[in-house]
Amino acid sequence: RLDHKFDLMYAKKAFLHWYIREGMEEGEFSEA
C-alpha cells in the first residue's frame, strides 16, 4: 500500500521540489 501511494506521487514528481530545496537529491527517493 505504501509503495503504491509513493509511486503515484513520484511518477509526477509531485511535491518533490520541497525536499530538493532542503538539500536532498532526487536519487535519494529512487534509492529508498
Full PDB file with SEQRES, HELIX, SHEET, SSBOND, CRYST1, ORIGX, SCALE, CONECT and MASTER records, all heavy atoms in Angstrom:
SEQRES   1 A   32  ARG LEU ASP HIS LYS PHE ASP LEU MET TYR ALA LYS LYS          
SEQRES   2 A   32  ALA PHE LEU HIS TRP TYR ILE ARG GLU GLY MET GLU GLU          
SEQRES   3 A   32  GLY GLU PHE SER GLU ALA                                      
HELIX    1 AA1 LEU A    2  TYR A   10  1                                   9    
HELIX    2 AA2 LEU A   16  ARG A   21  1                                   6    
HELIX    3 AA3 GLU A   26  GLU A   31  1                                   6    
CRYST1    1.000    1.000    1.000  90.00  90.00  90.00 P 1           1          
ORIGX1      1.000000  0.000000  0.000000        0.00000                         
ORIGX2      0.000000  1.000000  0.000000        0.00000                         
ORIGX3      0.000000  0.000000  1.000000        0.00000                         
SCALE1      1.000000  0.000000  0.000000        0.00000                         
SCALE2      0.000000  1.000000  0.000000        0.00000                         
SCALE3      0.000000  0.000000  1.000000        0.00000                         
ATOM      1  N   ARG A   1       0.839  -1.213   0.000  1.00  0.00           N  
ATOM      2  CA  ARG A   1       0.000   0.000   0.000  1.00  0.00           C  
ATOM      3  C   ARG A   1       0.866   1.251   0.000  1.00  0.00           C  
ATOM      4  O   ARG A   1       0.619   2.209  -0.742  1.00  0.00           O  
ATOM      5  CB  ARG A   1      -0.900   0.012   1.249  1.00  0.00           C  
ATOM      6  CG  ARG A   1      -2.056  -0.952   1.226  1.00  0.00           C  
ATOM      7  CD  ARG A   1      -3.073  -0.591   2.295  1.00  0.00           C  
ATOM      8  NE  ARG A   1      -2.491  -0.457   3.622  1.00  0.00           N  
ATOM      9  CZ  ARG A   1      -2.537  -1.408   4.554  1.00  0.00           C  
ATOM     10  NH1 ARG A   1      -3.139  -2.561   4.301  1.00  0.00           N  
ATOM     11  NH2 ARG A   1      -1.997  -1.205   5.731  1.00  0.00           N  
ATOM     12  N   LEU A   2       1.899   1.229   0.831  1.00  0.00           N  
ATOM     13  CA  LEU A   2       2.774   2.391   0.956  1.00  0.00           C  
ATOM     14  C   LEU A   2       3.533   2.641  -0.341  1.00  0.00           C  
ATOM     15  O   LEU A   2       3.626   3.783  -0.813  1.00  0.00           O  
ATOM     16  CB  LEU A   2       3.754   2.149   2.110  1.00  0.00           C  
ATOM     17  CG  LEU A   2       4.615   3.316   2.581  1.00  0.00           C  
ATOM     18  CD1 LEU A   2       3.747   4.495   3.001  1.00  0.00           C  
ATOM     19  CD2 LEU A   2       5.490   2.881   3.745  1.00  0.00           C  
ATOM     20  N   ASP A   3       4.055   1.577  -0.938  1.00  0.00           N  
ATOM     21  CA  ASP A   3       4.801   1.713  -2.195  1.00  0.00           C  
ATOM     22  C   ASP A   3       3.904   2.240  -3.317  1.00  0.00           C  
ATOM     23  O   ASP A   3       4.331   3.060  -4.136  1.00  0.00           O  
ATOM     24  CB  ASP A   3       5.386   0.363  -2.609  1.00  0.00           C  
ATOM     25  CG  ASP A   3       6.533  -0.068  -1.700  1.00  0.00           C  
ATOM     26  OD1 ASP A   3       7.067   0.796  -0.978  1.00  0.00           O  
ATOM     27  OD2 ASP A   3       6.884  -1.261  -1.709  1.00  0.00           O  
ATOM     28  N   HIS A   4       2.656   1.784  -3.352  1.00  0.00           N  
ATOM     29  CA  HIS A   4       1.719   2.232  -4.391  1.00  0.00           C  
ATOM     30  C   HIS A   4       1.448   3.738  -4.267  1.00  0.00           C  
ATOM     31  O   HIS A   4       1.467   4.467  -5.276  1.00  0.00           O  
ATOM     32  CB  HIS A   4       0.413   1.450  -4.277  1.00  0.00           C  
ATOM     33  CG  HIS A   4      -0.634   1.886  -5.251  1.00  0.00           C  
ATOM     34  ND1 HIS A   4      -0.484   1.751  -6.623  1.00  0.00           N  
ATOM     35  CD2 HIS A   4      -1.843   2.480  -5.054  1.00  0.00           C  
ATOM     36  CE1 HIS A   4      -1.554   2.238  -7.224  1.00  0.00           C  
ATOM     37  NE2 HIS A   4      -2.401   2.676  -6.305  1.00  0.00           N  
ATOM     38  N   LYS A   5       1.230   4.218  -3.052  1.00  0.00           N  
ATOM     39  CA  LYS A   5       0.981   5.651  -2.843  1.00  0.00           C  
ATOM     40  C   LYS A   5       2.203   6.481  -3.230  1.00  0.00           C  
ATOM     41  O   LYS A   5       2.080   7.555  -3.824  1.00  0.00           O  
ATOM     42  CB  LYS A   5       0.612   5.915  -1.380  1.00  0.00           C  
ATOM     43  CG  LYS A   5      -0.748   5.374  -0.979  1.00  0.00           C  
ATOM     44  CD  LYS A   5      -1.015   5.643   0.489  1.00  0.00           C  
ATOM     45  CE  LYS A   5      -2.359   5.096   0.928  1.00  0.00           C  
ATOM     46  NZ  LYS A   5      -2.606   5.319   2.374  1.00  0.00           N  
ATOM     47  N   PHE A   6       3.383   5.973  -2.865  1.00  0.00           N  
ATOM     48  CA  PHE A   6       4.626   6.656  -3.229  1.00  0.00           C  
ATOM     49  C   PHE A   6       4.747   6.754  -4.744  1.00  0.00           C  
ATOM     50  O   PHE A   6       5.062   7.824  -5.287  1.00  0.00           O  
ATOM     51  CB  PHE A   6       5.809   5.879  -2.643  1.00  0.00           C  
ATOM     52  CG  PHE A   6       7.159   6.472  -2.941  1.00  0.00           C  
ATOM     53  CD1 PHE A   6       7.798   7.269  -2.005  1.00  0.00           C  
ATOM     54  CD2 PHE A   6       7.806   6.223  -4.154  1.00  0.00           C  
ATOM     55  CE1 PHE A   6       9.054   7.814  -2.274  1.00  0.00           C  
ATOM     56  CE2 PHE A   6       9.048   6.752  -4.427  1.00  0.00           C  
ATOM     57  CZ  PHE A   6       9.679   7.558  -3.485  1.00  0.00           C  
ATOM     58  N   ASP A   7       4.477   5.657  -5.448  1.00  0.00           N  
ATOM     59  CA  ASP A   7       4.632   5.616  -6.910  1.00  0.00           C  
ATOM     60  C   ASP A   7       3.700   6.601  -7.604  1.00  0.00           C  
ATOM     61  O   ASP A   7       4.082   7.233  -8.604  1.00  0.00           O  
ATOM     62  CB  ASP A   7       4.364   4.201  -7.430  1.00  0.00           C  
ATOM     63  CG  ASP A   7       5.443   3.217  -6.998  1.00  0.00           C  
ATOM     64  OD1 ASP A   7       6.533   3.680  -6.610  1.00  0.00           O  
ATOM     65  OD2 ASP A   7       5.180   2.000  -7.037  1.00  0.00           O  
ATOM     66  N   LEU A   8       2.482   6.743  -7.092  1.00  0.00           N  
ATOM     67  CA  LEU A   8       1.515   7.650  -7.707  1.00  0.00           C  
ATOM     68  C   LEU A   8       2.031   9.087  -7.691  1.00  0.00           C  
ATOM     69  O   LEU A   8       1.914   9.813  -8.682  1.00  0.00           O  
ATOM     70  CB  LEU A   8       0.170   7.575  -6.978  1.00  0.00           C  
ATOM     71  CG  LEU A   8      -0.634   6.274  -7.147  1.00  0.00           C  
ATOM     72  CD1 LEU A   8      -1.878   6.301  -6.266  1.00  0.00           C  
ATOM     73  CD2 LEU A   8      -1.031   6.084  -8.614  1.00  0.00           C  
ATOM     74  N   MET A   9       2.618   9.503  -6.566  1.00  0.00           N  
ATOM     75  CA  MET A   9       3.121  10.876  -6.461  1.00  0.00           C  
ATOM     76  C   MET A   9       4.457  11.045  -7.178  1.00  0.00           C  
ATOM     77  O   MET A   9       4.685  12.042  -7.870  1.00  0.00           O  
ATOM     78  CB  MET A   9       3.265  11.270  -4.985  1.00  0.00           C  
ATOM     79  CG  MET A   9       1.958  11.415  -4.244  1.00  0.00           C  
ATOM     80  SD  MET A   9       2.080  12.476  -2.779  1.00  0.00           S  
ATOM     81  CE  MET A   9       3.347  11.660  -1.851  1.00  0.00           C  
ATOM     82  N   TYR A  10       5.321  10.040  -7.023  1.00  0.00           N  
ATOM     83  CA  TYR A  10       6.668  10.164  -7.588  1.00  0.00           C  
ATOM     84  C   TYR A  10       6.650  10.129  -9.111  1.00  0.00           C  
ATOM     85  O   TYR A  10       7.513  10.719  -9.772  1.00  0.00           O  
ATOM     86  CB  TYR A  10       7.563   9.046  -7.039  1.00  0.00           C  
ATOM     87  CG  TYR A  10       9.026   9.239  -7.351  1.00  0.00           C  
ATOM     88  CD1 TYR A  10       9.747  10.287  -6.759  1.00  0.00           C  
ATOM     89  CD2 TYR A  10       9.694   8.389  -8.231  1.00  0.00           C  
ATOM     90  CE1 TYR A  10      11.090  10.473  -7.046  1.00  0.00           C  
ATOM     91  CE2 TYR A  10      11.036   8.562  -8.520  1.00  0.00           C  
ATOM     92  CZ  TYR A  10      11.726   9.609  -7.926  1.00  0.00           C  
ATOM     93  OH  TYR A  10      13.061   9.801  -8.208  1.00  0.00           O  
ATOM     94  N   ALA A  11       5.663   9.460  -9.693  1.00  0.00           N  
ATOM     95  CA  ALA A  11       5.549   9.407 -11.154  1.00  0.00           C  
ATOM     96  C   ALA A  11       5.368  10.801 -11.739  1.00  0.00           C  
ATOM     97  O   ALA A  11       5.823  11.090 -12.855  1.00  0.00           O  
ATOM     98  CB  ALA A  11       4.374   8.508 -11.546  1.00  0.00           C  
ATOM     99  N   LYS A  12       4.726  11.686 -10.975  1.00  0.00           N  
ATOM    100  CA  LYS A  12       4.510  13.069 -11.413  1.00  0.00           C  
ATOM    101  C   LYS A  12       5.509  14.038 -10.771  1.00  0.00           C  
ATOM    102  O   LYS A  12       5.413  15.255 -10.973  1.00  0.00           O  
ATOM    103  CB  LYS A  12       3.088  13.513 -11.032  1.00  0.00           C  
ATOM    104  CG  LYS A  12       1.984  12.775 -11.775  1.00  0.00           C  
ATOM    105  CD  LYS A  12       1.964  13.171 -13.239  1.00  0.00           C  
ATOM    106  CE  LYS A  12       0.780  12.552 -13.952  1.00  0.00           C  
ATOM    107  NZ  LYS A  12       0.738  12.921 -15.382  1.00  0.00           N  
ATOM    108  N   LYS A  13       6.428  13.473  -9.981  1.00  0.00           N  
ATOM    109  CA  LYS A  13       7.410  14.298  -9.244  1.00  0.00           C  
ATOM    110  C   LYS A  13       6.703  15.355  -8.377  1.00  0.00           C  
ATOM    111  O   LYS A  13       7.220  16.450  -8.158  1.00  0.00           O  
ATOM    112  CB  LYS A  13       8.371  14.991 -10.223  1.00  0.00           C  
ATOM    113  CG  LYS A  13       9.181  14.032 -11.094  1.00  0.00           C  
ATOM    114  CD  LYS A  13      10.176  13.245 -10.280  1.00  0.00           C  
ATOM    115  CE  LYS A  13      11.128  12.438 -11.150  1.00  0.00           C  
ATOM    116  NZ  LYS A  13      10.518  11.277 -11.793  1.00  0.00           N  
ATOM    117  N   ALA A  14       5.516  14.997  -7.904  1.00  0.00           N  
ATOM    118  CA  ALA A  14       4.717  15.940  -7.103  1.00  0.00           C  
ATOM    119  C   ALA A  14       5.359  16.173  -5.737  1.00  0.00           C  
ATOM    120  O   ALA A  14       5.825  15.227  -5.100  1.00  0.00           O  
ATOM    121  CB  ALA A  14       3.298  15.393  -6.929  1.00  0.00           C  
ATOM    122  N   PHE A  15       5.384  17.434  -5.319  1.00  0.00           N  
ATOM    123  CA  PHE A  15       5.900  17.880  -4.014  1.00  0.00           C  
ATOM    124  C   PHE A  15       7.400  17.642  -3.833  1.00  0.00           C  
ATOM    125  O   PHE A  15       7.931  17.875  -2.744  1.00  0.00           O  
ATOM    126  CB  PHE A  15       5.140  17.204  -2.857  1.00  0.00           C  
ATOM    127  CG  PHE A  15       3.658  17.402  -2.902  1.00  0.00           C  
ATOM    128  CD1 PHE A  15       2.825  16.377  -3.358  1.00  0.00           C  
ATOM    129  CD2 PHE A  15       3.081  18.597  -2.509  1.00  0.00           C  
ATOM    130  CE1 PHE A  15       1.450  16.558  -3.408  1.00  0.00           C  
ATOM    131  CE2 PHE A  15       1.705  18.782  -2.563  1.00  0.00           C  
ATOM    132  CZ  PHE A  15       0.889  17.756  -3.010  1.00  0.00           C  
ATOM    133  N   LEU A  16       8.066  17.173  -4.869  1.00  0.00           N  
ATOM    134  CA  LEU A  16       9.482  16.816  -4.745  1.00  0.00           C  
ATOM    135  C   LEU A  16      10.362  18.037  -4.512  1.00  0.00           C  
ATOM    136  O   LEU A  16      11.392  17.956  -3.837  1.00  0.00           O  
ATOM    137  CB  LEU A  16       9.921  16.078  -6.016  1.00  0.00           C  
ATOM    138  CG  LEU A  16      10.977  14.982  -5.852  1.00  0.00           C  
ATOM    139  CD1 LEU A  16      10.487  13.897  -4.923  1.00  0.00           C  
ATOM    140  CD2 LEU A  16      11.330  14.392  -7.212  1.00  0.00           C  
ATOM    141  N   HIS A  17       9.932  19.180  -5.078  1.00  0.00           N  
ATOM    142  CA  HIS A  17      10.776  20.382  -5.005  1.00  0.00           C  
ATOM    143  C   HIS A  17      10.991  20.848  -3.568  1.00  0.00           C  
ATOM    144  O   HIS A  17      12.017  21.468  -3.255  1.00  0.00           O  
ATOM    145  CB  HIS A  17      10.161  21.514  -5.841  1.00  0.00           C  
ATOM    146  CG  HIS A  17       8.840  21.985  -5.342  1.00  0.00           C  
ATOM    147  ND1 HIS A  17       7.682  21.267  -5.505  1.00  0.00           N  
ATOM    148  CD2 HIS A  17       8.496  23.120  -4.659  1.00  0.00           C  
ATOM    149  CE1 HIS A  17       6.672  21.932  -4.970  1.00  0.00           C  
ATOM    150  NE2 HIS A  17       7.134  23.051  -4.446  1.00  0.00           N  
ATOM    151  N   TRP A  18      10.056  20.552  -2.673  1.00  0.00           N  
ATOM    152  CA  TRP A  18      10.225  20.972  -1.278  1.00  0.00           C  
ATOM    153  C   TRP A  18      11.400  20.242  -0.625  1.00  0.00           C  
ATOM    154  O   TRP A  18      12.144  20.817   0.171  1.00  0.00           O  
ATOM    155  CB  TRP A  18       8.947  20.691  -0.478  1.00  0.00           C  
ATOM    156  CG  TRP A  18       7.769  21.501  -0.933  1.00  0.00           C  
ATOM    157  CD1 TRP A  18       6.655  21.046  -1.575  1.00  0.00           C  
ATOM    158  CD2 TRP A  18       7.592  22.919  -0.790  1.00  0.00           C  
ATOM    159  NE1 TRP A  18       5.792  22.083  -1.848  1.00  0.00           N  
ATOM    160  CE2 TRP A  18       6.349  23.245  -1.371  1.00  0.00           C  
ATOM    161  CE3 TRP A  18       8.371  23.946  -0.241  1.00  0.00           C  
ATOM    162  CZ2 TRP A  18       5.863  24.541  -1.403  1.00  0.00           C  
ATOM    163  CZ3 TRP A  18       7.884  25.237  -0.268  1.00  0.00           C  
ATOM    164  CH2 TRP A  18       6.653  25.532  -0.844  1.00  0.00           C  
ATOM    165  N   TYR A  19      11.556  18.992  -0.967  1.00  0.00           N  
ATOM    166  CA  TYR A  19      12.656  18.205  -0.397  1.00  0.00           C  
ATOM    167  C   TYR A  19      13.992  18.612  -1.017  1.00  0.00           C  
ATOM    168  O   TYR A  19      15.004  18.715  -0.327  1.00  0.00           O  
ATOM    169  CB  TYR A  19      12.402  16.705  -0.633  1.00  0.00           C  
ATOM    170  CG  TYR A  19      11.214  16.171   0.112  1.00  0.00           C  
ATOM    171  CD1 TYR A  19       9.930  16.246  -0.436  1.00  0.00           C  
ATOM    172  CD2 TYR A  19      11.355  15.576   1.363  1.00  0.00           C  
ATOM    173  CE1 TYR A  19       8.824  15.744   0.246  1.00  0.00           C  
ATOM    174  CE2 TYR A  19      10.259  15.076   2.047  1.00  0.00           C  
ATOM    175  CZ  TYR A  19       8.998  15.166   1.484  1.00  0.00           C  
ATOM    176  OH  TYR A  19       7.909  14.682   2.171  1.00  0.00           O  
ATOM    177  N   ILE A  20      13.981  18.848  -2.332  1.00  0.00           N  
ATOM    178  CA  ILE A  20      15.216  19.243  -3.022  1.00  0.00           C  
ATOM    179  C   ILE A  20      15.679  20.607  -2.533  1.00  0.00           C  
ATOM    180  O   ILE A  20      16.879  20.856  -2.367  1.00  0.00           O  
ATOM    181  CB  ILE A  20      14.976  19.246  -4.548  1.00  0.00           C  
ATOM    182  CG1 ILE A  20      14.709  17.805  -5.031  1.00  0.00           C  
ATOM    183  CG2 ILE A  20      16.152  19.855  -5.294  1.00  0.00           C  
ATOM    184  CD1 ILE A  20      14.260  17.685  -6.463  1.00  0.00           C  
ATOM    185  N   ARG A  21      14.713  21.474  -2.232  1.00  0.00           N  
ATOM    186  CA  ARG A  21      15.044  22.799  -1.716  1.00  0.00           C  
ATOM    187  C   ARG A  21      15.750  22.718  -0.359  1.00  0.00           C  
ATOM    188  O   ARG A  21      16.541  23.585   0.004  1.00  0.00           O  
ATOM    189  CB  ARG A  21      13.770  23.630  -1.604  1.00  0.00           C  
ATOM    190  CG  ARG A  21      14.012  25.095  -1.287  1.00  0.00           C  
ATOM    191  CD  ARG A  21      12.701  25.866  -1.219  1.00  0.00           C  
ATOM    192  NE  ARG A  21      12.038  25.944  -2.520  1.00  0.00           N  
ATOM    193  CZ  ARG A  21      10.871  26.564  -2.726  1.00  0.00           C  
ATOM    194  NH1 ARG A  21      10.234  27.125  -1.693  1.00  0.00           N  
ATOM    195  NH2 ARG A  21      10.340  26.599  -3.924  1.00  0.00           N  
ATOM    196  N   GLU A  22      15.455  21.642   0.389  1.00  0.00           N  
ATOM    197  CA  GLU A  22      16.080  21.460   1.707  1.00  0.00           C  
ATOM    198  C   GLU A  22      17.435  20.765   1.623  1.00  0.00           C  
ATOM    199  O   GLU A  22      18.052  20.481   2.647  1.00  0.00           O  
ATOM    200  CB  GLU A  22      15.149  20.642   2.608  1.00  0.00           C  
ATOM    201  CG  GLU A  22      13.867  21.354   3.005  1.00  0.00           C  
ATOM    202  CD  GLU A  22      14.120  22.583   3.869  1.00  0.00           C  
ATOM    203  OE1 GLU A  22      15.059  22.535   4.700  1.00  0.00           O  
ATOM    204  OE2 GLU A  22      13.412  23.592   3.696  1.00  0.00           O  
ATOM    205  N   GLY A  23      17.880  20.463   0.394  1.00  0.00           N  
ATOM    206  CA  GLY A  23      19.212  19.877   0.240  1.00  0.00           C  
ATOM    207  C   GLY A  23      19.238  18.413  -0.155  1.00  0.00           C  
ATOM    208  O   GLY A  23      20.317  17.826  -0.309  1.00  0.00           O  
ATOM    209  N   MET A  24      18.078  17.785  -0.281  1.00  0.00           N  
ATOM    210  CA  MET A  24      18.047  16.385  -0.692  1.00  0.00           C  
ATOM    211  C   MET A  24      18.192  16.268  -2.201  1.00  0.00           C  
ATOM    212  O   MET A  24      17.997  17.235  -2.929  1.00  0.00           O  
ATOM    213  CB  MET A  24      16.729  15.727  -0.245  1.00  0.00           C  
ATOM    214  CG  MET A  24      16.589  15.587   1.249  1.00  0.00           C  
ATOM    215  SD  MET A  24      15.109  14.674   1.712  1.00  0.00           S  
ATOM    216  CE  MET A  24      15.508  13.044   1.097  1.00  0.00           C  
ATOM    217  N   GLU A  25      18.539  15.066  -2.665  1.00  0.00           N  
ATOM    218  CA  GLU A  25      18.668  14.809  -4.103  1.00  0.00           C  
ATOM    219  C   GLU A  25      17.589  13.823  -4.547  1.00  0.00           C  
ATOM    220  O   GLU A  25      17.127  12.994  -3.762  1.00  0.00           O  
ATOM    221  CB  GLU A  25      20.055  14.238  -4.413  1.00  0.00           C  
ATOM    222  CG  GLU A  25      21.193  15.196  -4.095  1.00  0.00           C  
ATOM    223  CD  GLU A  25      22.557  14.594  -4.388  1.00  0.00           C  
ATOM    224  OE1 GLU A  25      22.582  13.440  -4.900  1.00  0.00           O  
ATOM    225  OE2 GLU A  25      23.570  15.252  -4.114  1.00  0.00           O  
ATOM    226  N   GLU A  26      17.227  13.936  -5.818  1.00  0.00           N  
ATOM    227  CA  GLU A  26      16.175  13.079  -6.342  1.00  0.00           C  
ATOM    228  C   GLU A  26      16.571  11.607  -6.270  1.00  0.00           C  
ATOM    229  O   GLU A  26      15.724  10.723  -6.086  1.00  0.00           O  
ATOM    230  CB  GLU A  26      15.857  13.476  -7.788  1.00  0.00           C  
ATOM    231  CG  GLU A  26      14.571  12.872  -8.316  1.00  0.00           C  
ATOM    232  CD  GLU A  26      14.194  13.414  -9.682  1.00  0.00           C  
ATOM    233  OE1 GLU A  26      14.311  14.647  -9.893  1.00  0.00           O  
ATOM    234  OE2 GLU A  26      13.792  12.594 -10.536  1.00  0.00           O  
ATOM    235  N   GLY A  27      17.854  11.354  -6.390  1.00  0.00           N  
ATOM    236  CA  GLY A  27      18.345   9.981  -6.328  1.00  0.00           C  
ATOM    237  C   GLY A  27      18.053   9.298  -5.000  1.00  0.00           C  
ATOM    238  O   GLY A  27      17.926   8.070  -4.930  1.00  0.00           O  
ATOM    239  N   GLU A  28      17.954  10.092  -3.935  1.00  0.00           N  
ATOM    240  CA  GLU A  28      17.658   9.516  -2.621  1.00  0.00           C  
ATOM    241  C   GLU A  28      16.262   8.895  -2.596  1.00  0.00           C  
ATOM    242  O   GLU A  28      16.017   7.901  -1.905  1.00  0.00           O  
ATOM    243  CB  GLU A  28      17.779  10.591  -1.533  1.00  0.00           C  
ATOM    244  CG  GLU A  28      19.196  11.108  -1.336  1.00  0.00           C  
ATOM    245  CD  GLU A  28      19.265  12.185  -0.256  1.00  0.00           C  
ATOM    246  OE1 GLU A  28      18.895  11.892   0.894  1.00  0.00           O  
ATOM    247  OE2 GLU A  28      19.685  13.323  -0.576  1.00  0.00           O  
ATOM    248  N   PHE A  29      15.339   9.490  -3.346  1.00  0.00           N  
ATOM    249  CA  PHE A  29      13.978   8.972  -3.399  1.00  0.00           C  
ATOM    250  C   PHE A  29      13.932   7.626  -4.129  1.00  0.00           C  
ATOM    251  O   PHE A  29      13.296   6.678  -3.655  1.00  0.00           O  
ATOM    252  CB  PHE A  29      13.056   9.972  -4.096  1.00  0.00           C  
ATOM    253  CG  PHE A  29      12.685  11.143  -3.237  1.00  0.00           C  
ATOM    254  CD1 PHE A  29      13.558  12.193  -3.043  1.00  0.00           C  
ATOM    255  CD2 PHE A  29      11.446  11.187  -2.605  1.00  0.00           C  
ATOM    256  CE1 PHE A  29      13.223  13.276  -2.254  1.00  0.00           C  
ATOM    257  CE2 PHE A  29      11.093  12.257  -1.804  1.00  0.00           C  
ATOM    258  CZ  PHE A  29      11.982  13.302  -1.628  1.00  0.00           C  
ATOM    259  N   SER A  30      14.599   7.550  -5.286  1.00  0.00           N  
ATOM    260  CA  SER A  30      14.593   6.302  -6.050  1.00  0.00           C  
ATOM    261  C   SER A  30      15.336   5.199  -5.297  1.00  0.00           C  
ATOM    262  O   SER A  30      14.924   4.029  -5.320  1.00  0.00           O  
ATOM    263  CB  SER A  30      15.220   6.516  -7.432  1.00  0.00           C  
ATOM    264  OG  SER A  30      16.517   7.066  -7.318  1.00  0.00           O  
ATOM    265  N   GLU A  31      16.398   5.569  -4.581  1.00  0.00           N  
ATOM    266  CA  GLU A  31      17.155   4.589  -3.793  1.00  0.00           C  
ATOM    267  C   GLU A  31      16.294   4.023  -2.655  1.00  0.00           C  
ATOM    268  O   GLU A  31      16.281   2.806  -2.408  1.00  0.00           O  
ATOM    269  CB  GLU A  31      18.411   5.246  -3.218  1.00  0.00           C  
ATOM    270  CG  GLU A  31      19.289   4.287  -2.428  1.00  0.00           C  
ATOM    271  CD  GLU A  31      20.489   5.003  -1.803  1.00  0.00           C  
ATOM    272  OE1 GLU A  31      20.910   6.054  -2.327  1.00  0.00           O  
ATOM    273  OE2 GLU A  31      20.988   4.507  -0.774  1.00  0.00           O  
ATOM    274  N   ALA A  32      15.556   4.920  -1.969  1.00  0.00           N  
ATOM    275  CA  ALA A  32      14.685   4.493  -0.874  1.00  0.00           C  
ATOM    276  C   ALA A  32      13.571   3.590  -1.400  1.00  0.00           C  
ATOM    277  O   ALA A  32      13.228   2.572  -0.790  1.00  0.00           O  
ATOM    278  CB  ALA A  32      14.100   5.712  -0.171  1.00  0.00           C  
TER     279      ALA A  32                                                      
MASTER        0    0    0    3    0    0    0    6  278    1    0    3          
END                                                                             
